[in-house]
PDB file of N, CA and C in Angstrom:
ATOM      1  N   MET A   1       0.809  -1.188   0.000  1.00  0.00           N
ATOM      2  CA  MET A   1       0.000   0.000   0.000  1.00  0.00           C
ATOM      3  C   MET A   1       0.854   1.254   0.000  1.00  0.00           C
ATOM      4  N   GLY A   2       2.069   1.196   0.524  1.00  0.00           N
ATOM      5  CA  GLY A   2       2.927   2.366   0.614  1.00  0.00           C
ATOM      6  C   GLY A   2       3.670   2.667  -0.680  1.00  0.00           C
ATOM      7  N   GLU A   3       3.656   1.759  -1.644  1.00  0.00           N
ATOM      8  CA  GLU A   3       4.399   1.962  -2.880  1.00  0.00           C
ATOM      9  C   GLU A   3       3.487   2.483  -3.977  1.00  0.00           C
ATOM     10  N   PHE A   4       4.048   3.315  -4.846  1.00  0.00           N
ATOM     11  CA  PHE A   4       3.291   3.824  -5.992  1.00  0.00           C
ATOM     12  C   PHE A   4       3.571   2.944  -7.194  1.00  0.00           C
ATOM     13  N   SER A   5       2.530   2.556  -7.874  1.00  0.00           N
ATOM     14  CA  SER A   5       2.695   1.787  -9.103  1.00  0.00           C
ATOM     15  C   SER A   5       2.374   2.703 -10.277  1.00  0.00           C
ATOM     16  N   LEU A   6       2.521   2.183 -11.459  1.00  0.00           N
ATOM     17  CA  LEU A   6       2.229   2.962 -12.663  1.00  0.00           C
ATOM     18  C   LEU A   6       0.754   3.361 -12.700  1.00  0.00           C
ATOM     19  N   THR A   7      -0.115   2.503 -12.234  1.00  0.00           N
ATOM     20  CA  THR A   7      -1.547   2.808 -12.203  1.00  0.00           C
ATOM     21  C   THR A   7      -1.832   3.990 -11.282  1.00  0.00           C
ATOM     22  N   HIS A   8      -1.191   4.032 -10.122  1.00  0.00           N
ATOM     23  CA  HIS A   8      -1.372   5.151  -9.198  1.00  0.00           C
ATOM     24  C   HIS A   8      -0.950   6.466  -9.847  1.00  0.00           C
ATOM     25  N   LEU A   9       0.206   6.433 -10.528  1.00  0.00           N
ATOM     26  CA  LEU A   9       0.700   7.646 -11.163  1.00  0.00           C
ATOM     27  C   LEU A   9      -0.210   8.114 -12.296  1.00  0.00           C
ATOM     28  N   LEU A  10      -0.752   7.188 -13.047  1.00  0.00           N
ATOM     29  CA  LEU A  10      -1.673   7.570 -14.130  1.00  0.00           C
ATOM     30  C   LEU A  10      -2.959   8.185 -13.579  1.00  0.00           C
ATOM     31  N   VAL A  11      -3.509   7.613 -12.540  1.00  0.00           N
ATOM     32  CA  VAL A  11      -4.719   8.167 -11.925  1.00  0.00           C
ATOM     33  C   VAL A  11      -4.428   9.557 -11.377  1.00  0.00           C
ATOM     34  N   LEU A  12      -3.282   9.737 -10.746  1.00  0.00           N
ATOM     35  CA  LEU A  12      -2.902  11.041 -10.228  1.00  0.00           C
ATOM     36  C   LEU A  12      -2.749  12.065 -11.357  1.00  0.00           C
ATOM     37  N   ALA A  13      -2.148  11.669 -12.470  1.00  0.00           N
ATOM     38  CA  ALA A  13      -1.988  12.570 -13.611  1.00  0.00           C
ATOM     39  C   ALA A  13      -3.348  12.970 -14.185  1.00  0.00           C
ATOM     40  N   ILE A  14      -4.270  12.043 -14.281  1.00  0.00           N
ATOM     41  CA  ILE A  14      -5.605  12.356 -14.803  1.00  0.00           C
ATOM     42  C   ILE A  14      -6.332  13.330 -13.872  1.00  0.00           C
ATOM     43  N   ILE A  15      -6.225  13.100 -12.577  1.00  0.00           N
ATOM     44  CA  ILE A  15      -6.874  14.002 -11.619  1.00  0.00           C
ATOM     45  C   ILE A  15      -6.273  15.403 -11.710  1.00  0.00           C
ATOM     46  N   LEU A  16      -4.959  15.496 -11.834  1.00  0.00           N
ATOM     47  CA  LEU A  16      -4.319  16.801 -11.967  1.00  0.00           C
ATOM     48  C   LEU A  16      -4.752  17.504 -13.242  1.00  0.00           C
ATOM     49  N   LEU A  17      -4.867  16.757 -14.342  1.00  0.00           N
ATOM     50  CA  LEU A  17      -5.327  17.360 -15.597  1.00  0.00           C
ATOM     51  C   LEU A  17      -6.752  17.885 -15.474  1.00  0.00           C
ATOM     52  N   VAL A  18      -7.610  17.165 -14.794  1.00  0.00           N
ATOM     53  CA  VAL A  18      -9.003  17.593 -14.642  1.00  0.00           C
ATOM     54  C   VAL A  18      -9.080  18.862 -13.796  1.00  0.00           C
ATOM     55  N   PHE A  19      -8.340  18.895 -12.676  1.00  0.00           N
ATOM     56  CA  PHE A  19      -8.428  20.049 -11.778  1.00  0.00           C
ATOM     57  C   PHE A  19      -7.722  21.285 -12.313  1.00  0.00           C
ATOM     58  N   PHE A  20      -6.532  21.133 -12.858  1.00  0.00           N
ATOM     59  CA  PHE A  20      -5.729  22.290 -13.236  1.00  0.00           C
ATOM     60  C   PHE A  20      -5.714  22.569 -14.721  1.00  0.00           C
ATOM     61  N   GLY A  21      -5.972  21.605 -15.544  1.00  0.00           N
ATOM     62  CA  GLY A  21      -5.931  21.802 -16.988  1.00  0.00           C
ATOM     63  C   GLY A  21      -4.512  21.726 -17.503  1.00  0.00           C
ATOM     64  N   PRO A  22      -4.372  21.472 -18.788  1.00  0.00           N
ATOM     65  CA  PRO A  22      -3.033  21.294 -19.355  1.00  0.00           C
ATOM     66  C   PRO A  22      -2.201  22.578 -19.382  1.00  0.00           C
ATOM     67  N   SER A  23      -2.844  23.732 -19.364  1.00  0.00           N
ATOM     68  CA  SER A  23      -2.070  24.979 -19.433  1.00  0.00           C
ATOM     69  C   SER A  23      -1.447  25.354 -18.084  1.00  0.00           C
ATOM     70  N   ARG A  24      -2.049  24.934 -16.988  1.00  0.00           N
ATOM     71  CA  ARG A  24      -1.548  25.307 -15.667  1.00  0.00           C
ATOM     72  C   ARG A  24      -0.562  24.296 -15.089  1.00  0.00           C
ATOM     73  N   LEU A  25      -0.475  23.107 -15.638  1.00  0.00           N
ATOM     74  CA  LEU A  25       0.423  22.089 -15.087  1.00  0.00           C
ATOM     75  C   LEU A  25       1.903  22.489 -15.132  1.00  0.00           C
ATOM     76  N   PRO A  26       2.406  23.099 -16.223  1.00  0.00           N
ATOM     77  CA  PRO A  26       3.817  23.514 -16.197  1.00  0.00           C
ATOM     78  C   PRO A  26       4.098  24.562 -15.108  1.00  0.00           C
ATOM     79  N   GLN A  27       3.166  25.485 -14.907  1.00  0.00           N
ATOM     80  CA  GLN A  27       3.339  26.490 -13.855  1.00  0.00           C
ATOM     81  C   GLN A  27       3.341  25.828 -12.479  1.00  0.00           C
ATOM     82  N   LEU A  28       2.468  24.876 -12.305  1.00  0.00           N
ATOM     83  CA  LEU A  28       2.390  24.149 -11.037  1.00  0.00           C
ATOM     84  C   LEU A  28       3.685  23.391 -10.773  1.00  0.00           C
ATOM     85  N   GLY A  29       4.217  22.752 -11.795  1.00  0.00           N
ATOM     86  CA  GLY A  29       5.486  22.028 -11.659  1.00  0.00           C
ATOM     87  C   GLY A  29       6.638  22.956 -11.303  1.00  0.00           C
ATOM     88  N   LYS A  30       6.683  24.140 -11.934  1.00  0.00           N
ATOM     89  CA  LYS A  30       7.742  25.100 -11.628  1.00  0.00           C
ATOM     90  C   LYS A  30       7.652  25.591 -10.191  1.00  0.00           C
ATOM     91  N   SER A  31       6.454  25.884  -9.739  1.00  0.00           N
ATOM     92  CA  SER A  31       6.313  26.388  -8.376  1.00  0.00           C
ATOM     93  C   SER A  31       6.656  25.315  -7.347  1.00  0.00           C
ATOM     94  N   ILE A  32       6.300  24.077  -7.608  1.00  0.00           N
ATOM     95  CA  ILE A  32       6.670  22.984  -6.701  1.00  0.00           C
ATOM     96  C   ILE A  32       8.185  22.801  -6.702  1.00  0.00           C
ATOM     97  N   GLY A  33       8.802  22.893  -7.872  1.00  0.00           N
ATOM     98  CA  GLY A  33      10.263  22.778  -7.963  1.00  0.00           C
ATOM     99  C   GLY A  33      10.968  23.884  -7.194  1.00  0.00           C
ATOM    100  N   LYS A  34      10.456  25.117  -7.300  1.00  0.00           N
ATOM    101  CA  LYS A  34      11.049  26.230  -6.547  1.00  0.00           C
ATOM    102  C   LYS A  34      10.904  26.009  -5.048  1.00  0.00           C
ATOM    103  N   ALA A  35       9.773  25.483  -4.641  1.00  0.00           N
ATOM    104  CA  ALA A  35       9.559  25.230  -3.211  1.00  0.00           C
ATOM    105  C   ALA A  35      10.542  24.183  -2.700  1.00  0.00           C
ATOM    106  N   PHE A  36      10.752  23.122  -3.461  1.00  0.00           N
ATOM    107  CA  PHE A  36      11.702  22.086  -3.044  1.00  0.00           C
ATOM    108  C   PHE A  36      13.128  22.629  -3.001  1.00  0.00           C
ATOM    109  N   ARG A  37      13.500  23.447  -4.002  1.00  0.00           N
ATOM    110  CA  ARG A  37      14.848  24.026  -4.009  1.00  0.00           C
ATOM    111  C   ARG A  37      15.047  24.958  -2.814  1.00  0.00           C
ATOM    112  N   GLY A  38      14.036  25.753  -2.498  1.00  0.00           N
ATOM    113  CA  GLY A  38      14.136  26.635  -1.342  1.00  0.00           C
ATOM    114  C   GLY A  38      14.270  25.865  -0.048  1.00  0.00           C
ATOM    115  N   PHE A  39      13.507  24.802   0.078  1.00  0.00           N
ATOM    116  CA  PHE A  39      13.586  23.964   1.271  1.00  0.00           C
ATOM    117  C   PHE A  39      14.962  23.328   1.398  1.00  0.00           C
ATOM    118  N   LYS A  40      15.489  22.841   0.276  1.00  0.00           N
ATOM    119  CA  LYS A  40      16.792  22.191   0.287  1.00  0.00           C
ATOM    120  C   LYS A  40      17.907  23.187   0.620  1.00  0.00           C
ATOM    121  N   SER A  41      17.835  24.397   0.074  1.00  0.00           N
ATOM    122  CA  SER A  41      18.861  25.389   0.379  1.00  0.00           C
ATOM    123  C   SER A  41      18.772  25.833   1.839  1.00  0.00           C
ATOM    124  N   GLY A  42      17.564  25.904   2.374  1.00  0.00           N
ATOM    125  CA  GLY A  42      17.411  26.236   3.784  1.00  0.00           C
ATOM    126  C   GLY A  42      18.029  25.185   4.679  1.00  0.00           C
ATOM    127  N   LEU A  43      17.840  23.923   4.335  1.00  0.00           N
ATOM    128  CA  LEU A  43      18.448  22.838   5.114  1.00  0.00           C
ATOM    129  C   LEU A  43      19.972  22.883   5.030  1.00  0.00           C
ATOM    130  N   SER A  44      20.507  23.193   3.850  1.00  0.00           N
ATOM    131  CA  SER A  44      21.965  23.245   3.714  1.00  0.00           C
ATOM    132  C   SER A  44      22.536  24.422   4.501  1.00  0.00           C
ATOM    133  N   GLU A  45      21.804  25.548   4.588  1.00  0.00           N
ATOM    134  CA  GLU A  45      22.263  26.680   5.400  1.00  0.00           C
ATOM    135  C   GLU A  45      22.280  26.305   6.873  1.00  0.00           C
ATOM    136  N   ILE A  46      21.277  25.585   7.319  1.00  0.00           N
ATOM    137  CA  ILE A  46      21.225  25.165   8.716  1.00  0.00           C
ATOM    138  C   ILE A  46      22.376  24.206   9.014  1.00  0.00           C
ATOM    139  N   ASP A  47      22.666  23.300   8.081  1.00  0.00           N
ATOM    140  CA  ASP A  47      23.781  22.373   8.276  1.00  0.00           C
ATOM    141  C   ASP A  47      25.106  23.128   8.348  1.00  0.00           C
ATOM    142  N   ALA A  48      25.277  24.152   7.481  1.00  0.00           N
ATOM    143  CA  ALA A  48      26.510  24.935   7.487  1.00  0.00           C
ATOM    144  C   ALA A  48      26.665  25.691   8.801  1.00  0.00           C
ATOM    145  N   GLU A  49      25.574  26.243   9.325  1.00  0.00           N
ATOM    146  CA  GLU A  49      25.638  26.950  10.598  1.00  0.00           C
ATOM    147  C   GLU A  49      25.935  25.991  11.746  1.00  0.00           C
ATOM    148  N   ALA A  50      25.395  24.793  11.670  1.00  0.00           N
ATOM    149  CA  ALA A  50      25.633  23.819  12.722  1.00  0.00           C
ATOM    150  C   ALA A  50      27.096  23.369  12.729  1.00  0.00           C
ATOM    151  N   LYS A  51      27.730  23.325  11.583  1.00  0.00           N
ATOM    152  CA  LYS A  51      29.138  22.934  11.521  1.00  0.00           C
ATOM    153  C   LYS A  51      30.041  24.037  12.053  1.00  0.00           C
ATOM    154  N   ASP A  52      29.582  25.310  11.965  1.00  0.00           N
ATOM    155  CA  ASP A  52      30.382  26.429  12.444  1.00  0.00           C
ATOM    156  C   ASP A  52      30.387  26.545  13.963  1.00  0.00           C
ATOM    157  N   VAL A  53      29.417  25.944  14.617  1.00  0.00           N
ATOM    158  CA  VAL A  53      29.334  26.026  16.073  1.00  0.00           C
ATOM    159  C   VAL A  53      30.451  25.189  16.676  1.00  0.00           C
ATOM    160  N   VAL A  54      31.222  25.807  17.550  1.00  0.00           N
ATOM    161  CA  VAL A  54      32.342  25.111  18.175  1.00  0.00           C
ATOM    162  C   VAL A  54      31.899  24.641  19.557  1.00  0.00           C
ATOM    163  N   THR A  55      32.035  23.383  19.770  1.00  0.00           N
ATOM    164  CA  THR A  55      31.711  22.842  21.087  1.00  0.00           C
ATOM    165  C   THR A  55      33.003  22.688  21.871  1.00  0.00           C
ATOM    166  N   PRO A  56      33.003  23.074  23.135  1.00  0.00           N
ATOM    167  CA  PRO A  56      34.235  22.963  23.919  1.00  0.00           C
ATOM    168  C   PRO A  56      34.586  21.506  24.199  1.00  0.00           C
ATOM    169  N   ALA A  57      35.871  21.280  24.313  1.00  0.00           N
ATOM    170  CA  ALA A  57      36.341  19.938  24.652  1.00  0.00           C
ATOM    171  C   ALA A  57      35.960  19.644  26.091  1.00  0.00           C
ATOM    172  N   PRO A  58      35.812  18.385  26.454  1.00  0.00           N
ATOM    173  CA  PRO A  58      35.409  18.051  27.833  1.00  0.00           C
ATOM    174  C   PRO A  58      36.351  18.627  28.894  1.00  0.00           C
ATOM    175  N   GLU A  59      37.650  18.705  28.592  1.00  0.00           N
ATOM    176  CA  GLU A  59      38.576  19.236  29.601  1.00  0.00           C
ATOM    177  C   GLU A  59      38.451  20.750  29.757  1.00  0.00           C
ATOM    178  N   GLN A  60      37.818  21.427  28.769  1.00  0.00           N
ATOM    179  CA  GLN A  60      37.617  22.866  28.866  1.00  0.00           C
ATOM    180  C   GLN A  60      36.377  23.224  29.677  1.00  0.00           C
ATOM    181  N   LEU A  61      35.508  22.279  29.875  1.00  0.00           N
ATOM    182  CA  LEU A  61      34.303  22.539  30.638  1.00  0.00           C
ATOM    183  C   LEU A  61      34.631  22.639  32.114  1.00  0.00           C
ATOM    184  N   LYS A  62      33.911  23.503  32.814  1.00  0.00           N
ATOM    185  CA  LYS A  62      34.138  23.642  34.249  1.00  0.00           C
ATOM    186  C   LYS A  62      33.570  22.435  34.978  1.00  0.00           C
ATOM    187  N   LYS A  63      34.271  22.069  35.998  1.00  0.00           N
ATOM    188  CA  LYS A  63      33.774  20.986  36.836  1.00  0.00           C
ATOM    189  C   LYS A  63      32.686  21.545  37.741  1.00  0.00           C
ATOM    190  N   PRO A  64      31.759  20.727  38.184  1.00  0.00           N
ATOM    191  CA  PRO A  64      30.654  21.233  39.008  1.00  0.00           C
ATOM    192  C   PRO A  64      31.104  21.939  40.277  1.00  0.00           C
ATOM    193  N   ASP A  65      32.212  21.512  40.873  1.00  0.00           N
ATOM    194  CA  ASP A  65      32.646  22.171  42.097  1.00  0.00           C
ATOM    195  C   ASP A  65      33.283  23.529  41.833  1.00  0.00           C
ATOM    196  N   GLU A  66      33.690  23.813  40.594  1.00  0.00           N
ATOM    197  CA  GLU A  66      34.273  25.105  40.250  1.00  0.00           C
ATOM    198  C   GLU A  66      33.218  26.155  39.916  1.00  0.00           C
ATOM    199  N   THR A  67      32.039  25.738  39.592  1.00  0.00           N
ATOM    200  CA  THR A  67      30.992  26.686  39.226  1.00  0.00           C
ATOM    201  C   THR A  67      30.340  27.231  40.488  1.00  0.00           C
ATOM    202  N   LYS A  68      29.999  28.500  40.438  1.00  0.00           N
ATOM    203  CA  LYS A  68      29.360  29.137  41.573  1.00  0.00           C
ATOM    204  C   LYS A  68      27.898  29.381  41.241  1.00  0.00           C
ATOM    205  N   THR A  69      27.104  29.294  42.252  1.00  0.00           N
ATOM    206  CA  THR A  69      25.708  29.645  42.058  1.00  0.00           C
ATOM    207  C   THR A  69      25.586  31.160  42.101  1.00  0.00           C
ATOM    208  N   PHE A  70      24.448  31.654  41.738  1.00  0.00           N
ATOM    209  CA  PHE A  70      24.222  33.090  41.735  1.00  0.00           C
ATOM    210  C   PHE A  70      24.396  33.663  43.143  1.00  0.00           C
ATOM    211  N   HIS A  71      23.900  32.968  44.140  1.00  0.00           N
ATOM    212  CA  HIS A  71      23.975  33.459  45.512  1.00  0.00           C
ATOM    213  C   HIS A  71      25.415  33.454  46.021  1.00  0.00           C
ATOM    214  N   GLN A  72      26.195  32.461  45.654  1.00  0.00           N
ATOM    215  CA  GLN A  72      27.595  32.426  46.074  1.00  0.00           C
ATOM    216  C   GLN A  72      28.376  33.571  45.447  1.00  0.00           C
ATOM    217  N   ALA A  73      28.132  33.832  44.167  1.00  0.00           N
ATOM    218  CA  ALA A  73      28.816  34.927  43.489  1.00  0.00           C
ATOM    219  C   ALA A  73      28.399  36.268  44.085  1.00  0.00           C
ATOM    220  N   GLU A  74      27.145  36.403  44.473  1.00  0.00           N
ATOM    221  CA  GLU A  74      26.652  37.632  45.085  1.00  0.00           C
ATOM    222  C   GLU A  74      27.334  37.855  46.439  1.00  0.00           C
ATOM    223  N   LYS A  75      27.479  36.802  47.228  1.00  0.00           N
ATOM    224  CA  LYS A  75      28.139  36.911  48.527  1.00  0.00           C
ATOM    225  C   LYS A  75      29.603  37.311  48.347  1.00  0.00           C
ATOM    226  N   ASP A  76      30.272  36.711  47.362  1.00  0.00           N
ATOM    227  CA  ASP A  76      31.688  37.036  47.114  1.00  0.00           C
ATOM    228  C   ASP A  76      31.850  38.484  46.679  1.00  0.00           C
ATOM    229  N   SER A  77      30.933  38.992  45.874  1.00  0.00           N
ATOM    230  CA  SER A  77      31.045  40.376  45.422  1.00  0.00           C
ATOM    231  C   SER A  77      30.785  41.335  46.572  1.00  0.00           C
ATOM    232  N   LYS A  78      29.923  40.984  47.519  1.00  0.00           N
ATOM    233  CA  LYS A  78      29.676  41.836  48.687  1.00  0.00           C
ATOM    234  C   LYS A  78      30.889  41.841  49.628  1.00  0.00           C
ATOM    235  N   LYS A  79      31.591  40.722  49.710  1.00  0.00           N
ATOM    236  CA  LYS A  79      32.772  40.647  50.579  1.00  0.00           C
ATOM    237  C   LYS A  79      33.879  41.558  50.068  1.00  0.00           C
ATOM    238  N   THR A  80      34.028  41.661  48.743  1.00  0.00           N
ATOM    239  CA  THR A  80      35.104  42.471  48.176  1.00  0.00           C
ATOM    240  C   THR A  80      34.789  43.955  48.230  1.00  0.00           C
ATOM    241  N   GLU A  81      33.547  44.327  48.454  1.00  0.00           N
ATOM    242  CA  GLU A  81      33.172  45.742  48.498  1.00  0.00           C
ATOM    243  C   GLU A  81      33.544  46.370  49.747  1.00  0.00           C
TER     244      GLU A  81
END
């Protein structure tokens, strides 16, 4: 049921001809093609941006005991004042 056969494609072509007519089918094909190209270029831009993101190495990450909470940092800043 998930596969398209030649019969499915012919029925689909006949339905498209009835609804849109032979003069509008080339325009419809062009607009669908532009939509697919735009979608594909958008995906490639997202992939390029994702590759540019630098993730720190595990040894560069702070250990949990080195990180301060907001309240600890606030107390330290009050002590230095």
